Amino acid sequence: MEKKYGTKNMRKFLRHELDGYLRGRAGEVRHEPPITLVENEPYVWYQKGSLVFYALSDYIGEDTLNAALKGLLDKWRFKGPPYPDTRDLVAALREKTPADLQYLVTDMFERITLYDNKVESATVTETPDHKWKVHMVVNAKKMYADGDGKETLQPLHDLIEVGVMSGAKDKEEPIEVRKLWLTQEKTPVDFVVDKRPDRAGIDPLSKLIDRNPEDNLMDVEKK
C-alpha cells in the first residue's frame, strides 16, 4: 500500500486501523488477548496485526521481516502435524530482530502495549544562514495492560520517532523524521532543517499504538 499510494496515505490507513483497534478493545466484553493468544477477536488480528507488522517492518527493515517470514515458511512447508503456531512465528521474528530491538517483539506480540505520547511545545527560529531551527519538548509514556484493561506504567527505553512536518493538520508531509532512544518521560529535541516547518511532534506518522494520537503533533510557534 505504501509503495502504491505513498507515505501520506499510509498514515491515513494506520490511523484508521488504530481507531478500529481502540474501538474494538473498548467494546471487549470478555478478555483482550495479546496477538500470540488471539482467538476470536478480529480487532486484534486485523487492526492491531496490521499496525504491529507495519511498525516492525519499519524498525527492522522490510527485507529483514520478509526474510523472517520466508524462513518460517521454508521450515514448515509440506510438513504434517504438529503444525506451527504463533510461538513459531515469534521465534522466527526474534531470530531476525537485532538484540536492542527484541523488546519490540515482546511489546507488539506477547503483551498489550499502549503509549501515551504527546508534544508539549514546539518553536522555530530562522538561523542567519536561512535554515530553520526547531526546538520541541516531547512527552512519552508506555503502559502494559492486562486483558481486563488494567494498565501499569513501564520504564521507558524505547526507540520512538520525532519529526518536523510541513502542511496543515492531517495533511502533513515529513521534512525530517528520526528515531531516538527515549529513556525519560520528558525530552527536549532540536532539529535544523532547510524548509520552514508547520508542525512538529512525536510519532508523527502514527506507527505506535497511542490512545490519543491527536496530541502527537502541534503547530510550531515562530520565536
C-alpha atoms as a PDB file:
ATOM      1  CA  MET A   1       0.000   0.000   0.000  1.00  0.00           C
ATOM      2  CA  GLU A   2       2.790   2.422   0.877  1.00  0.00           C
ATOM      3  CA  LYS A   3       4.579   1.800  -2.399  1.00  0.00           C
ATOM      4  CA  LYS A   4       1.381   2.279  -4.393  1.00  0.00           C
ATOM      5  CA  TYR A   5      -0.265   5.153  -2.513  1.00  0.00           C
ATOM      6  CA  GLY A   6       2.630   6.859  -0.709  1.00  0.00           C
ATOM      7  CA  THR A   7       3.525   7.619   2.894  1.00  0.00           C
ATOM      8  CA  LYS A   8       0.814  10.254   3.383  1.00  0.00           C
ATOM      9  CA  ASN A   9      -1.968   7.823   2.512  1.00  0.00           C
ATOM     10  CA  MET A  10      -0.315   5.067   4.526  1.00  0.00           C
ATOM     11  CA  ARG A  11      -0.528   7.306   7.551  1.00  0.00           C
ATOM     12  CA  LYS A  12      -4.287   7.667   6.979  1.00  0.00           C
ATOM     13  CA  PHE A  13      -4.596   3.879   6.818  1.00  0.00           C
ATOM     14  CA  LEU A  14      -2.625   3.411  10.051  1.00  0.00           C
ATOM     15  CA  ARG A  15      -4.806   5.949  11.844  1.00  0.00           C
ATOM     16  CA  HIS A  16      -7.907   4.141  10.568  1.00  0.00           C
ATOM     17  CA  GLU A  17      -6.573   0.804  11.851  1.00  0.00           C
ATOM     18  CA  LEU A  18      -5.595   2.362  15.182  1.00  0.00           C
ATOM     19  CA  ASP A  19      -9.102   3.739  15.615  1.00  0.00           C
ATOM     20  CA  GLY A  20     -10.563   0.317  14.805  1.00  0.00           C
ATOM     21  CA  TYR A  21      -8.328  -1.413  17.323  1.00  0.00           C
ATOM     22  CA  LEU A  22      -9.050   1.089  20.112  1.00  0.00           C
ATOM     23  CA  ARG A  23     -12.802   0.879  19.493  1.00  0.00           C
ATOM     24  CA  GLY A  24     -12.588  -2.912  19.445  1.00  0.00           C
ATOM     25  CA  ARG A  25     -10.780  -3.178  22.766  1.00  0.00           C
ATOM     26  CA  ALA A  26     -13.105  -0.579  24.328  1.00  0.00           C
ATOM     27  CA  GLY A  27     -16.058  -2.787  23.393  1.00  0.00           C
ATOM     28  CA  GLU A  28     -14.474  -6.055  24.527  1.00  0.00           C
ATOM     29  CA  VAL A  29     -16.875  -7.909  26.822  1.00  0.00           C
ATOM     30  CA  ARG A  30     -14.594 -10.808  27.697  1.00  0.00           C
ATOM     31  CA  HIS A  31     -10.823 -10.579  27.837  1.00  0.00           C
ATOM     32  CA  GLU A  32      -8.430  -8.923  25.381  1.00  0.00           C
ATOM     33  CA  PRO A  33      -5.538 -11.219  24.450  1.00  0.00           C
ATOM     34  CA  PRO A  34      -2.132 -10.309  23.053  1.00  0.00           C
ATOM     35  CA  ILE A  35      -1.583 -11.279  19.416  1.00  0.00           C
ATOM     36  CA  THR A  36       0.141 -14.544  20.353  1.00  0.00           C
ATOM     37  CA  LEU A  37      -3.012 -15.751  22.142  1.00  0.00           C
ATOM     38  CA  VAL A  38      -5.688 -14.262  19.893  1.00  0.00           C
ATOM     39  CA  GLU A  39      -8.697 -16.488  19.076  1.00  0.00           C
ATOM     40  CA  ASN A  40     -11.971 -14.806  18.106  1.00  0.00           C
ATOM     41  CA  GLU A  41     -11.034 -11.129  18.406  1.00  0.00           C
ATOM     42  CA  PRO A  42     -10.796  -9.705  14.873  1.00  0.00           C
ATOM     43  CA  TYR A  43      -9.860  -6.222  16.119  1.00  0.00           C
ATOM     44  CA  VAL A  44      -6.653  -7.854  17.438  1.00  0.00           C
ATOM     45  CA  TRP A  45      -5.657  -9.973  14.456  1.00  0.00           C
ATOM     46  CA  TYR A  46      -6.772  -7.486  11.791  1.00  0.00           C
ATOM     47  CA  GLN A  47      -6.398  -3.944  13.126  1.00  0.00           C
ATOM     48  CA  LYS A  48      -3.654  -4.466  15.715  1.00  0.00           C
ATOM     49  CA  GLY A  49      -1.985  -7.002  13.442  1.00  0.00           C
ATOM     50  CA  SER A  50      -1.609  -4.538  10.585  1.00  0.00           C
ATOM     51  CA  LEU A  51      -0.255  -1.872  12.952  1.00  0.00           C
ATOM     52  CA  VAL A  52       2.417  -4.008  14.578  1.00  0.00           C
ATOM     53  CA  PHE A  53       3.607  -5.726  11.403  1.00  0.00           C
ATOM     54  CA  TYR A  54       3.967  -2.373   9.644  1.00  0.00           C
ATOM     55  CA  ALA A  55       5.826  -0.910  12.624  1.00  0.00           C
ATOM     56  CA  LEU A  56       8.140  -3.921  12.954  1.00  0.00           C
ATOM     57  CA  SER A  57       8.887  -3.766   9.222  1.00  0.00           C
ATOM     58  CA  ASP A  58       9.777  -0.097   9.629  1.00  0.00           C
ATOM     59  CA  TYR A  59      12.049  -0.743  12.612  1.00  0.00           C
ATOM     60  CA  ILE A  60      13.997  -3.783  11.387  1.00  0.00           C
ATOM     61  CA  GLY A  61      13.569  -3.283   7.632  1.00  0.00           C
ATOM     62  CA  GLU A  62      11.144  -4.753   5.122  1.00  0.00           C
ATOM     63  CA  ASP A  63      13.718  -7.180   3.707  1.00  0.00           C
ATOM     64  CA  THR A  64      14.567  -8.452   7.188  1.00  0.00           C
ATOM     65  CA  LEU A  65      10.928  -9.024   8.075  1.00  0.00           C
ATOM     66  CA  ASN A  66      10.320 -10.799   4.776  1.00  0.00           C
ATOM     67  CA  ALA A  67      13.370 -12.999   5.438  1.00  0.00           C
ATOM     68  CA  ALA A  68      11.922 -13.972   8.827  1.00  0.00           C
ATOM     69  CA  LEU A  69       8.592 -14.931   7.257  1.00  0.00           C
ATOM     70  CA  LYS A  70      10.325 -16.808   4.454  1.00  0.00           C
ATOM     71  CA  GLY A  71      12.359 -18.743   6.996  1.00  0.00           C
ATOM     72  CA  LEU A  72       9.191 -19.749   8.825  1.00  0.00           C
ATOM     73  CA  LEU A  73       7.542 -20.929   5.596  1.00  0.00           C
ATOM     74  CA  ASP A  74      10.639 -22.809   4.429  1.00  0.00           C
ATOM     75  CA  LYS A  75      10.942 -24.601   7.770  1.00  0.00           C
ATOM     76  CA  TRP A  76       7.343 -25.829   7.871  1.00  0.00           C
ATOM     77  CA  ARG A  77       6.312 -26.261   4.250  1.00  0.00           C
ATOM     78  CA  PHE A  78       4.890 -29.655   3.251  1.00  0.00           C
ATOM     79  CA  LYS A  79       5.082 -30.946   6.838  1.00  0.00           C
ATOM     80  CA  GLY A  80       2.264 -32.633   8.681  1.00  0.00           C
ATOM     81  CA  PRO A  81       1.301 -32.248  12.332  1.00  0.00           C
ATOM     82  CA  PRO A  82       2.290 -30.803  14.683  1.00  0.00           C
ATOM     83  CA  TYR A  83       1.687 -27.594  12.749  1.00  0.00           C
ATOM     84  CA  PRO A  84       3.340 -24.257  13.525  1.00  0.00           C
ATOM     85  CA  ASP A  85       1.606 -21.761  15.763  1.00  0.00           C
ATOM     86  CA  THR A  86       2.235 -18.236  16.987  1.00  0.00           C
ATOM     87  CA  ARG A  87       5.186 -19.393  19.099  1.00  0.00           C
ATOM     88  CA  ASP A  88       6.982 -20.404  15.920  1.00  0.00           C
ATOM     89  CA  LEU A  89       6.096 -17.080  14.289  1.00  0.00           C
ATOM     90  CA  VAL A  90       7.502 -15.126  17.239  1.00  0.00           C
ATOM     91  CA  ALA A  91      10.646 -17.273  17.247  1.00  0.00           C
ATOM     92  CA  ALA A  92      11.178 -16.534  13.539  1.00  0.00           C
ATOM     93  CA  LEU A  93      10.738 -12.809  14.146  1.00  0.00           C
ATOM     94  CA  ARG A  94      13.132 -12.855  17.107  1.00  0.00           C
ATOM     95  CA  GLU A  95      15.783 -14.650  15.072  1.00  0.00           C
ATOM     96  CA  LYS A  96      15.970 -11.753  12.604  1.00  0.00           C
ATOM     97  CA  THR A  97      15.449  -8.875  15.054  1.00  0.00           C
ATOM     98  CA  PRO A  98      18.582  -7.131  16.433  1.00  0.00           C
ATOM     99  CA  ALA A  99      19.284  -7.538  20.135  1.00  0.00           C
ATOM    100  CA  ASP A 100      18.487  -3.928  21.008  1.00  0.00           C
ATOM    101  CA  LEU A 101      15.073  -4.206  19.324  1.00  0.00           C
ATOM    102  CA  GLN A 102      13.970  -7.519  20.840  1.00  0.00           C
ATOM    103  CA  TYR A 103      11.682  -5.539  23.145  1.00  0.00           C
ATOM    104  CA  LEU A 104       9.557  -4.694  20.087  1.00  0.00           C
ATOM    105  CA  VAL A 105       8.653  -8.349  19.523  1.00  0.00           C
ATOM    106  CA  THR A 106       7.734  -8.693  23.189  1.00  0.00           C
ATOM    107  CA  ASP A 107       5.687  -5.494  23.280  1.00  0.00           C
ATOM    108  CA  MET A 108       3.934  -5.998  19.952  1.00  0.00           C
ATOM    109  CA  PHE A 109       3.151  -9.704  20.015  1.00  0.00           C
ATOM    110  CA  GLU A 110       3.344 -11.007  23.577  1.00  0.00           C
ATOM    111  CA  ARG A 111       1.947  -8.066  25.545  1.00  0.00           C
ATOM    112  CA  ILE A 112      -0.789  -5.457  25.284  1.00  0.00           C
ATOM    113  CA  THR A 113       1.276  -2.296  24.960  1.00  0.00           C
ATOM    114  CA  LEU A 114      -0.119   1.222  24.868  1.00  0.00           C
ATOM    115  CA  TYR A 115       1.646   4.559  24.523  1.00  0.00           C
ATOM    116  CA  ASP A 116       0.630   7.997  25.705  1.00  0.00           C
ATOM    117  CA  ASN A 117       2.886  10.213  23.586  1.00  0.00           C
ATOM    118  CA  LYS A 118       2.414  13.938  23.095  1.00  0.00           C
ATOM    119  CA  VAL A 119       4.317  17.083  22.188  1.00  0.00           C
ATOM    120  CA  GLU A 120       4.298  19.758  24.884  1.00  0.00           C
ATOM    121  CA  SER A 121       5.844  22.655  22.963  1.00  0.00           C
ATOM    122  CA  ALA A 122       7.387  23.409  19.567  1.00  0.00           C
ATOM    123  CA  THR A 123       9.094  26.612  18.429  1.00  0.00           C
ATOM    124  CA  VAL A 124      11.019  27.550  15.307  1.00  0.00           C
ATOM    125  CA  THR A 125      13.711  30.178  14.731  1.00  0.00           C
ATOM    126  CA  GLU A 126      15.268  31.239  11.448  1.00  0.00           C
ATOM    127  CA  THR A 127      19.065  30.992  11.541  1.00  0.00           C
ATOM    128  CA  PRO A 128      21.488  33.518   9.995  1.00  0.00           C
ATOM    129  CA  ASP A 129      22.150  31.112   7.111  1.00  0.00           C
ATOM    130  CA  HIS A 130      18.377  30.910   6.387  1.00  0.00           C
ATOM    131  CA  LYS A 131      17.754  27.495   7.865  1.00  0.00           C
ATOM    132  CA  TRP A 132      15.121  26.720  10.460  1.00  0.00           C
ATOM    133  CA  LYS A 133      15.940  25.574  13.991  1.00  0.00           C
ATOM    134  CA  VAL A 134      13.109  23.725  15.695  1.00  0.00           C
ATOM    135  CA  HIS A 135      13.065  23.127  19.440  1.00  0.00           C
ATOM    136  CA  MET A 136      10.408  20.849  20.841  1.00  0.00           C
ATOM    137  CA  VAL A 137       9.685  19.078  24.103  1.00  0.00           C
ATOM    138  CA  VAL A 138       8.067  15.665  23.790  1.00  0.00           C
ATOM    139  CA  ASN A 139       6.446  13.557  26.466  1.00  0.00           C
ATOM    140  CA  ALA A 140       6.371   9.754  26.260  1.00  0.00           C
ATOM    141  CA  LYS A 141       4.806   7.089  28.462  1.00  0.00           C
ATOM    142  CA  LYS A 142       4.435   3.342  27.953  1.00  0.00           C
ATOM    143  CA  MET A 143       1.920   1.090  29.674  1.00  0.00           C
ATOM    144  CA  TYR A 144       1.240  -2.631  29.727  1.00  0.00           C
ATOM    145  CA  ALA A 145      -2.418  -3.574  30.017  1.00  0.00           C
ATOM    146  CA  ASP A 146      -3.868  -6.852  31.168  1.00  0.00           C
ATOM    147  CA  GLY A 147      -6.804  -8.462  29.420  1.00  0.00           C
ATOM    148  CA  ASP A 148      -9.265  -6.642  31.668  1.00  0.00           C
ATOM    149  CA  GLY A 149      -7.869  -3.217  30.823  1.00  0.00           C
ATOM    150  CA  LYS A 150      -5.805  -2.559  33.963  1.00  0.00           C
ATOM    151  CA  GLU A 151      -2.706  -0.570  32.963  1.00  0.00           C
ATOM    152  CA  THR A 152       0.744  -0.497  34.561  1.00  0.00           C
ATOM    153  CA  LEU A 153       3.271   2.234  33.750  1.00  0.00           C
ATOM    154  CA  GLN A 154       6.579   0.831  32.428  1.00  0.00           C
ATOM    155  CA  PRO A 155      10.152   2.117  32.487  1.00  0.00           C
ATOM    156  CA  LEU A 156      10.905   3.787  29.175  1.00  0.00           C
ATOM    157  CA  HIS A 157      13.815   2.717  26.988  1.00  0.00           C
ATOM    158  CA  ASP A 158      12.174   2.839  23.592  1.00  0.00           C
ATOM    159  CA  LEU A 159      13.155   3.870  20.084  1.00  0.00           C
ATOM    160  CA  ILE A 160      10.488   6.399  19.078  1.00  0.00           C
ATOM    161  CA  GLU A 161      10.259   8.741  16.110  1.00  0.00           C
ATOM    162  CA  VAL A 162      10.209  12.508  16.412  1.00  0.00           C
ATOM    163  CA  GLY A 163       9.921  14.798  13.443  1.00  0.00           C
ATOM    164  CA  VAL A 164       9.101  18.090  11.790  1.00  0.00           C
ATOM    165  CA  MET A 165       6.422  18.334   9.149  1.00  0.00           C
ATOM    166  CA  SER A 166       5.089  20.705   6.521  1.00  0.00           C
ATOM    167  CA  GLY A 167       1.432  21.199   5.711  1.00  0.00           C
ATOM    168  CA  ALA A 168      -1.821  21.716   7.568  1.00  0.00           C
ATOM    169  CA  LYS A 169      -3.202  19.370  10.192  1.00  0.00           C
ATOM    170  CA  ASP A 170      -3.940  15.858   8.889  1.00  0.00           C
ATOM    171  CA  LYS A 171      -2.221  16.733   5.596  1.00  0.00           C
ATOM    172  CA  GLU A 172       1.354  16.903   6.875  1.00  0.00           C
ATOM    173  CA  GLU A 173       4.313  15.562   4.979  1.00  0.00           C
ATOM    174  CA  PRO A 174       7.633  14.878   6.713  1.00  0.00           C
ATOM    175  CA  ILE A 175      10.557  17.262   6.342  1.00  0.00           C
ATOM    176  CA  GLU A 176      12.763  15.210   8.656  1.00  0.00           C
ATOM    177  CA  VAL A 177      11.914  12.307  10.927  1.00  0.00           C
ATOM    178  CA  ARG A 178      14.400  10.476  13.112  1.00  0.00           C
ATOM    179  CA  LYS A 179      14.243   7.675  15.656  1.00  0.00           C
ATOM    180  CA  LEU A 180      15.577   8.490  19.120  1.00  0.00           C
ATOM    181  CA  TRP A 181      16.065   6.351  22.208  1.00  0.00           C
ATOM    182  CA  LEU A 182      13.781   7.931  24.802  1.00  0.00           C
ATOM    183  CA  THR A 183      14.526   6.993  28.405  1.00  0.00           C
ATOM    184  CA  GLN A 184      12.573   9.589  30.354  1.00  0.00           C
ATOM    185  CA  GLU A 185       9.077  10.984  30.306  1.00  0.00           C
ATOM    186  CA  LYS A 186      10.040  14.469  29.080  1.00  0.00           C
ATOM    187  CA  THR A 187      12.736  15.006  26.417  1.00  0.00           C
ATOM    188  CA  PRO A 188      13.894  18.160  24.589  1.00  0.00           C
ATOM    189  CA  VAL A 189      14.695  17.655  20.886  1.00  0.00           C
ATOM    190  CA  ASP A 190      16.280  20.002  18.329  1.00  0.00           C
ATOM    191  CA  PHE A 191      16.196  19.939  14.528  1.00  0.00           C
ATOM    192  CA  VAL A 192      17.816  22.166  11.925  1.00  0.00           C
ATOM    193  CA  VAL A 193      16.077  21.893   8.538  1.00  0.00           C
ATOM    194  CA  ASP A 194      16.156  23.706   5.200  1.00  0.00           C
ATOM    195  CA  LYS A 195      12.387  24.210   4.928  1.00  0.00           C
ATOM    196  CA  ARG A 196      10.182  26.132   7.311  1.00  0.00           C
ATOM    197  CA  PRO A 197       8.112  23.565   9.217  1.00  0.00           C
ATOM    198  CA  ASP A 198       4.456  23.943  10.081  1.00  0.00           C
ATOM    199  CA  ARG A 199       4.069  21.182  12.675  1.00  0.00           C
ATOM    200  CA  ALA A 200       6.302  19.063  14.867  1.00  0.00           C
ATOM    201  CA  GLY A 201       5.992  16.248  17.352  1.00  0.00           C
ATOM    202  CA  ILE A 202       6.445  12.646  18.411  1.00  0.00           C
ATOM    203  CA  ASP A 203       5.495   9.517  16.451  1.00  0.00           C
ATOM    204  CA  PRO A 204       4.307  11.843  13.677  1.00  0.00           C
ATOM    205  CA  LEU A 205       3.367   9.034  11.286  1.00  0.00           C
ATOM    206  CA  SER A 206       1.318   7.092  13.883  1.00  0.00           C
ATOM    207  CA  LYS A 207       3.333   3.864  13.899  1.00  0.00           C
ATOM    208  CA  LEU A 208       2.817   3.083  17.595  1.00  0.00           C
ATOM    209  CA  ILE A 209      -0.384   2.216  19.426  1.00  0.00           C
ATOM    210  CA  ASP A 210      -1.221   5.517  21.078  1.00  0.00           C
ATOM    211  CA  ARG A 211      -4.603   6.008  22.701  1.00  0.00           C
ATOM    212  CA  ASN A 212      -4.684   9.696  21.737  1.00  0.00           C
ATOM    213  CA  PRO A 213      -2.671  10.372  18.560  1.00  0.00           C
ATOM    214  CA  GLU A 214      -4.297  13.802  18.192  1.00  0.00           C
ATOM    215  CA  ASP A 215      -1.780  15.377  20.588  1.00  0.00           C
ATOM    216  CA  ASN A 216       1.307  13.906  18.911  1.00  0.00           C
ATOM    217  CA  LEU A 217       1.746  16.956  16.651  1.00  0.00           C
ATOM    218  CA  MET A 218       1.285  20.692  17.125  1.00  0.00           C
ATOM    219  CA  ASP A 219       1.777  23.859  15.104  1.00  0.00           C
ATOM    220  CA  VAL A 220       5.256  25.295  15.575  1.00  0.00           C
ATOM    221  CA  GLU A 221       5.404  28.796  17.028  1.00  0.00           C
ATOM    222  CA  LYS A 222       7.875  31.219  15.492  1.00  0.00           C
ATOM    223  CA  LYS A 223      10.112  32.922  18.027  1.00  0.00           C
END
